[in-house]
């Protein structure tokens, strides 16, 4: 068991949640459009859409600002750019995604 396994498991769960929530947006909006004929349904679906949007937003923020297990800075973003799910390594210290860091040199002290 690696020293960063718990953090990478959190990253995997956040990534999966973010992707699944993003894929759920079109069906939810389609249901809202198709089923919002009556005022009661429109109110219920409106509340559901707002709650879903809040959950989506919070999940995306947690995934975007995931901290690197080694350097504890944002894993995939700096103030200038964001690699998101396409980041293969930490943009600050170079820790490879899902690595325990044993096979890499820690350059923080240099």
N, C-alpha and C. Protein backbone atom coordinates (compact mmCIF):
# COMPACT_ATOMS: atom_id res chain seq x y z
N UNK A 1 0.85 -1.18 0.00
CA UNK A 1 0.00 0.00 0.00
C UNK A 1 0.89 1.24 0.00
N UNK A 2 0.67 2.13 -0.96
CA UNK A 2 1.47 3.33 -1.09
C UNK A 2 1.08 4.39 -0.09
N UNK A 3 1.95 5.36 0.03
CA UNK A 3 1.69 6.40 1.03
C UNK A 3 0.64 7.41 0.59
N UNK A 4 0.31 7.44 -0.70
CA UNK A 4 -0.68 8.40 -1.21
C UNK A 4 -1.99 7.72 -1.65
N UNK A 5 -2.17 6.46 -1.32
CA UNK A 5 -3.33 5.71 -1.80
C UNK A 5 -4.65 6.34 -1.36
N UNK A 6 -4.74 6.80 -0.14
CA UNK A 6 -5.99 7.39 0.35
C UNK A 6 -6.34 8.65 -0.43
N UNK A 7 -5.35 9.49 -0.70
CA UNK A 7 -5.59 10.72 -1.45
C UNK A 7 -6.00 10.42 -2.89
N UNK A 8 -5.34 9.42 -3.50
CA UNK A 8 -5.68 9.08 -4.89
C UNK A 8 -7.08 8.47 -4.97
N UNK A 9 -7.49 7.77 -3.94
CA UNK A 9 -8.85 7.23 -3.93
C UNK A 9 -9.86 8.37 -3.89
N UNK A 10 -9.59 9.41 -3.12
CA UNK A 10 -10.46 10.59 -3.09
C UNK A 10 -10.50 11.23 -4.47
N UNK A 11 -9.34 11.33 -5.13
CA UNK A 11 -9.27 11.90 -6.47
C UNK A 11 -10.12 11.08 -7.44
N UNK A 12 -10.02 9.76 -7.39
CA UNK A 12 -10.80 8.89 -8.29
C UNK A 12 -12.30 9.08 -8.07
N UNK A 13 -12.71 9.16 -6.82
CA UNK A 13 -14.13 9.35 -6.53
C UNK A 13 -14.62 10.71 -7.01
N UNK A 14 -13.82 11.75 -6.80
CA UNK A 14 -14.20 13.08 -7.26
C UNK A 14 -14.29 13.12 -8.79
N UNK A 15 -13.33 12.49 -9.47
CA UNK A 15 -13.33 12.48 -10.93
C UNK A 15 -14.56 11.74 -11.46
N UNK A 16 -14.85 10.57 -10.89
CA UNK A 16 -16.01 9.81 -11.32
C UNK A 16 -17.30 10.59 -11.06
N UNK A 17 -17.41 11.20 -9.90
CA UNK A 17 -18.60 11.98 -9.57
C UNK A 17 -18.77 13.16 -10.53
N UNK A 18 -17.68 13.84 -10.83
CA UNK A 18 -17.74 14.99 -11.73
C UNK A 18 -18.19 14.57 -13.12
N UNK A 19 -17.66 13.47 -13.62
CA UNK A 19 -18.02 13.00 -14.96
C UNK A 19 -19.47 12.54 -15.00
N UNK A 20 -19.89 11.76 -14.01
CA UNK A 20 -21.27 11.26 -13.99
C UNK A 20 -22.28 12.40 -13.84
N UNK A 21 -21.95 13.37 -13.00
CA UNK A 21 -22.86 14.52 -12.86
C UNK A 21 -22.93 15.33 -14.15
N UNK A 22 -21.82 15.47 -14.85
CA UNK A 22 -21.82 16.19 -16.12
C UNK A 22 -22.66 15.45 -17.16
N UNK A 23 -22.56 14.12 -17.18
CA UNK A 23 -23.35 13.33 -18.12
C UNK A 23 -24.84 13.34 -17.78
N UNK A 24 -25.18 13.64 -16.54
CA UNK A 24 -26.57 13.68 -16.13
C UNK A 24 -27.29 14.97 -16.44
N UNK A 25 -26.57 15.99 -16.86
CA UNK A 25 -27.20 17.29 -17.13
C UNK A 25 -28.19 17.22 -18.30
N UNK A 26 -27.82 16.69 -19.47
CA UNK A 26 -28.79 16.66 -20.58
C UNK A 26 -30.08 15.90 -20.28
N UNK A 27 -30.02 14.70 -19.68
CA UNK A 27 -31.30 14.03 -19.37
C UNK A 27 -32.15 14.82 -18.37
N UNK A 28 -31.51 15.45 -17.40
CA UNK A 28 -32.27 16.23 -16.42
C UNK A 28 -32.95 17.43 -17.08
N UNK A 29 -32.24 18.12 -17.96
CA UNK A 29 -32.84 19.25 -18.66
C UNK A 29 -33.94 18.79 -19.61
N UNK A 30 -33.74 17.66 -20.27
CA UNK A 30 -34.78 17.12 -21.15
C UNK A 30 -36.03 16.77 -20.35
N UNK A 31 -35.85 16.16 -19.18
CA UNK A 31 -36.99 15.84 -18.33
C UNK A 31 -37.69 17.12 -17.87
N UNK A 32 -36.92 18.14 -17.57
CA UNK A 32 -37.51 19.41 -17.14
C UNK A 32 -38.37 20.00 -18.26
N UNK A 33 -37.86 19.98 -19.49
CA UNK A 33 -38.61 20.55 -20.61
C UNK A 33 -39.85 19.72 -20.93
N UNK A 34 -39.69 18.40 -20.94
CA UNK A 34 -40.81 17.53 -21.33
C UNK A 34 -41.89 17.41 -20.26
N UNK A 35 -41.50 17.45 -19.00
CA UNK A 35 -42.46 17.19 -17.94
C UNK A 35 -42.96 18.44 -17.22
N UNK A 36 -42.55 19.60 -17.67
CA UNK A 36 -42.92 20.83 -16.95
C UNK A 36 -44.19 21.47 -17.51
N UNK A 37 -45.18 20.65 -17.79
CA UNK A 37 -46.45 21.16 -18.33
C UNK A 37 -47.33 21.77 -17.24
N UNK A 38 -47.29 21.20 -16.05
CA UNK A 38 -48.13 21.70 -14.97
C UNK A 38 -47.27 22.50 -13.98
N UNK A 39 -47.92 23.34 -13.23
CA UNK A 39 -47.22 24.20 -12.28
C UNK A 39 -46.56 23.38 -11.17
N UNK A 40 -47.23 22.32 -10.69
CA UNK A 40 -46.65 21.50 -9.63
C UNK A 40 -45.40 20.78 -10.11
N UNK A 41 -45.46 20.20 -11.30
CA UNK A 41 -44.30 19.51 -11.86
C UNK A 41 -43.17 20.50 -12.13
N UNK A 42 -43.51 21.68 -12.60
CA UNK A 42 -42.51 22.69 -12.90
C UNK A 42 -41.78 23.13 -11.63
N UNK A 43 -42.51 23.29 -10.55
CA UNK A 43 -41.90 23.68 -9.27
C UNK A 43 -40.98 22.57 -8.76
N UNK A 44 -41.47 21.34 -8.77
CA UNK A 44 -40.66 20.21 -8.29
C UNK A 44 -39.40 20.05 -9.14
N UNK A 45 -39.56 20.06 -10.45
CA UNK A 45 -38.41 19.90 -11.33
C UNK A 45 -37.44 21.08 -11.24
N UNK A 46 -38.00 22.27 -11.02
CA UNK A 46 -37.14 23.44 -10.84
C UNK A 46 -36.26 23.31 -9.61
N UNK A 47 -36.85 22.85 -8.52
CA UNK A 47 -36.08 22.62 -7.29
C UNK A 47 -35.04 21.53 -7.51
N UNK A 48 -35.42 20.47 -8.21
CA UNK A 48 -34.49 19.38 -8.51
C UNK A 48 -33.32 19.87 -9.35
N UNK A 49 -33.59 20.70 -10.35
CA UNK A 49 -32.52 21.25 -11.20
C UNK A 49 -31.59 22.13 -10.38
N UNK A 50 -32.13 22.94 -9.50
CA UNK A 50 -31.30 23.82 -8.67
C UNK A 50 -30.42 22.99 -7.72
N UNK A 51 -30.97 21.97 -7.10
CA UNK A 51 -30.18 21.10 -6.21
C UNK A 51 -29.11 20.36 -7.00
N UNK A 52 -29.45 19.87 -8.18
CA UNK A 52 -28.49 19.16 -9.02
C UNK A 52 -27.36 20.10 -9.44
N UNK A 53 -27.71 21.32 -9.81
CA UNK A 53 -26.70 22.31 -10.20
C UNK A 53 -25.77 22.63 -9.04
N UNK A 54 -26.31 22.74 -7.84
CA UNK A 54 -25.47 23.01 -6.67
C UNK A 54 -24.53 21.83 -6.40
N UNK A 55 -25.04 20.61 -6.48
CA UNK A 55 -24.21 19.43 -6.30
C UNK A 55 -23.12 19.34 -7.36
N UNK A 56 -23.48 19.62 -8.60
CA UNK A 56 -22.53 19.62 -9.70
C UNK A 56 -21.44 20.67 -9.48
N UNK A 57 -21.83 21.87 -9.09
CA UNK A 57 -20.89 22.96 -8.86
C UNK A 57 -19.92 22.63 -7.73
N UNK A 58 -20.42 22.12 -6.63
CA UNK A 58 -19.57 21.78 -5.49
C UNK A 58 -18.60 20.66 -5.86
N UNK A 59 -19.09 19.64 -6.56
CA UNK A 59 -18.22 18.54 -6.97
C UNK A 59 -17.13 19.02 -7.92
N UNK A 60 -17.49 19.86 -8.87
CA UNK A 60 -16.50 20.40 -9.81
C UNK A 60 -15.45 21.23 -9.09
N UNK A 61 -15.87 22.02 -8.12
CA UNK A 61 -14.91 22.81 -7.35
C UNK A 61 -13.96 21.92 -6.56
N UNK A 62 -14.48 20.89 -5.92
CA UNK A 62 -13.63 19.98 -5.15
C UNK A 62 -12.64 19.26 -6.05
N UNK A 63 -13.10 18.85 -7.25
CA UNK A 63 -12.21 18.17 -8.19
C UNK A 63 -11.16 19.14 -8.74
N UNK A 64 -11.58 20.33 -9.11
CA UNK A 64 -10.67 21.33 -9.69
C UNK A 64 -9.58 21.72 -8.70
N UNK A 65 -9.92 21.86 -7.44
CA UNK A 65 -8.96 22.31 -6.44
C UNK A 65 -8.43 21.16 -5.58
N UNK A 66 -8.36 19.95 -6.16
CA UNK A 66 -7.77 18.81 -5.48
C UNK A 66 -6.29 19.11 -5.22
N UNK A 67 -5.84 18.84 -3.99
CA UNK A 67 -4.46 19.12 -3.62
C UNK A 67 -3.57 17.92 -3.89
N UNK A 68 -2.39 18.20 -4.43
CA UNK A 68 -1.41 17.15 -4.68
C UNK A 68 -1.04 16.50 -3.35
N UNK A 69 -0.98 15.18 -3.32
CA UNK A 69 -0.64 14.50 -2.06
C UNK A 69 0.78 14.80 -1.58
N UNK A 70 1.69 15.15 -2.48
CA UNK A 70 3.08 15.39 -2.07
C UNK A 70 3.33 16.85 -1.71
N UNK A 71 3.00 17.79 -2.60
CA UNK A 71 3.37 19.19 -2.34
C UNK A 71 2.21 20.00 -1.75
N UNK A 72 1.00 19.44 -1.73
CA UNK A 72 -0.18 20.08 -1.16
C UNK A 72 -0.54 21.39 -1.85
N UNK A 73 -0.22 21.48 -3.14
CA UNK A 73 -0.70 22.58 -3.98
C UNK A 73 -1.71 21.99 -4.94
N UNK A 74 -2.44 22.84 -5.67
CA UNK A 74 -3.43 22.34 -6.61
C UNK A 74 -2.76 21.39 -7.59
N UNK A 75 -3.35 20.22 -7.79
CA UNK A 75 -2.72 19.19 -8.61
C UNK A 75 -2.69 19.57 -10.09
N UNK A 76 -3.80 20.06 -10.63
CA UNK A 76 -3.89 20.24 -12.07
C UNK A 76 -4.02 21.69 -12.51
N UNK A 77 -3.86 22.64 -11.59
CA UNK A 77 -4.07 24.03 -11.99
C UNK A 77 -3.10 24.97 -11.30
N UNK A 78 -2.83 26.06 -11.99
CA UNK A 78 -2.12 27.19 -11.43
C UNK A 78 -3.04 28.39 -11.60
N UNK A 79 -2.57 29.55 -11.28
CA UNK A 79 -3.41 30.73 -11.47
C UNK A 79 -3.56 31.05 -12.95
N UNK A 80 -2.68 30.49 -13.82
CA UNK A 80 -2.73 30.78 -15.25
C UNK A 80 -3.50 29.76 -16.07
N UNK A 81 -3.47 28.50 -15.70
CA UNK A 81 -4.11 27.46 -16.52
C UNK A 81 -4.60 26.33 -15.65
N UNK A 82 -5.48 25.51 -16.27
CA UNK A 82 -6.06 24.35 -15.58
C UNK A 82 -6.08 23.19 -16.57
N UNK A 83 -5.38 22.11 -16.25
CA UNK A 83 -5.37 20.93 -17.11
C UNK A 83 -6.54 19.99 -16.83
N UNK A 84 -7.18 20.15 -15.69
CA UNK A 84 -8.35 19.34 -15.34
C UNK A 84 -8.06 17.85 -15.34
N UNK A 85 -8.95 17.09 -15.96
CA UNK A 85 -8.80 15.63 -15.96
C UNK A 85 -7.66 15.18 -16.87
N UNK A 86 -7.11 16.09 -17.67
CA UNK A 86 -6.04 15.72 -18.59
C UNK A 86 -4.65 15.83 -17.97
N UNK A 87 -4.55 16.29 -16.75
CA UNK A 87 -3.26 16.39 -16.07
C UNK A 87 -2.73 14.99 -15.79
N UNK A 88 -1.52 14.72 -16.23
CA UNK A 88 -0.90 13.42 -15.98
C UNK A 88 0.02 13.47 -14.76
N UNK A 89 0.39 14.68 -14.37
CA UNK A 89 1.25 14.85 -13.21
C UNK A 89 0.96 16.21 -12.58
N UNK A 90 1.39 16.37 -11.36
CA UNK A 90 1.19 17.64 -10.65
C UNK A 90 1.90 18.75 -11.41
N UNK A 91 1.22 19.87 -11.61
CA UNK A 91 1.83 20.97 -12.35
C UNK A 91 2.86 21.70 -11.50
N UNK A 92 2.96 21.39 -10.22
CA UNK A 92 3.92 22.05 -9.35
C UNK A 92 5.14 21.19 -9.05
N UNK A 93 4.93 19.97 -8.58
CA UNK A 93 6.07 19.14 -8.17
C UNK A 93 6.35 17.97 -9.12
N UNK A 94 5.46 17.70 -10.07
CA UNK A 94 5.69 16.66 -11.04
C UNK A 94 5.30 15.26 -10.60
N UNK A 95 4.62 15.10 -9.48
CA UNK A 95 4.17 13.78 -9.03
C UNK A 95 3.19 13.23 -10.05
N UNK A 96 3.49 12.04 -10.56
CA UNK A 96 2.62 11.42 -11.55
C UNK A 96 1.31 11.01 -10.91
N UNK A 97 0.24 11.13 -11.69
CA UNK A 97 -1.08 10.77 -11.20
C UNK A 97 -1.10 9.31 -10.77
N UNK A 98 -1.64 9.04 -9.61
CA UNK A 98 -1.80 7.73 -9.00
C UNK A 98 -0.47 7.09 -8.59
N UNK A 99 0.59 7.88 -8.54
CA UNK A 99 1.90 7.38 -8.14
C UNK A 99 2.05 7.52 -6.63
N UNK A 100 2.89 6.65 -6.06
CA UNK A 100 3.19 6.78 -4.64
C UNK A 100 4.42 7.64 -4.42
N UNK A 101 5.06 8.07 -5.51
CA UNK A 101 6.21 8.96 -5.41
C UNK A 101 7.52 8.28 -5.13
N UNK A 102 7.50 6.97 -4.97
CA UNK A 102 8.74 6.24 -4.65
C UNK A 102 9.73 6.23 -5.82
N UNK A 103 9.21 6.21 -7.03
CA UNK A 103 10.08 6.10 -8.21
C UNK A 103 10.51 7.47 -8.74
N UNK A 104 10.17 8.53 -8.04
CA UNK A 104 10.46 9.88 -8.52
C UNK A 104 11.33 10.62 -7.50
N UNK A 105 12.08 11.56 -8.01
CA UNK A 105 12.91 12.40 -7.16
C UNK A 105 12.10 13.59 -6.69
N UNK A 106 12.14 13.87 -5.41
CA UNK A 106 11.45 15.01 -4.85
C UNK A 106 12.31 16.25 -5.04
N UNK A 107 11.84 17.20 -5.87
CA UNK A 107 12.63 18.38 -6.21
C UNK A 107 12.25 19.59 -5.38
N UNK A 108 11.44 19.40 -4.36
CA UNK A 108 10.98 20.54 -3.56
C UNK A 108 12.14 21.24 -2.82
N UNK A 109 13.13 20.49 -2.41
CA UNK A 109 14.22 21.07 -1.64
C UNK A 109 15.29 21.75 -2.49
N UNK A 110 15.21 21.59 -3.81
CA UNK A 110 16.24 22.17 -4.68
C UNK A 110 15.95 23.60 -5.02
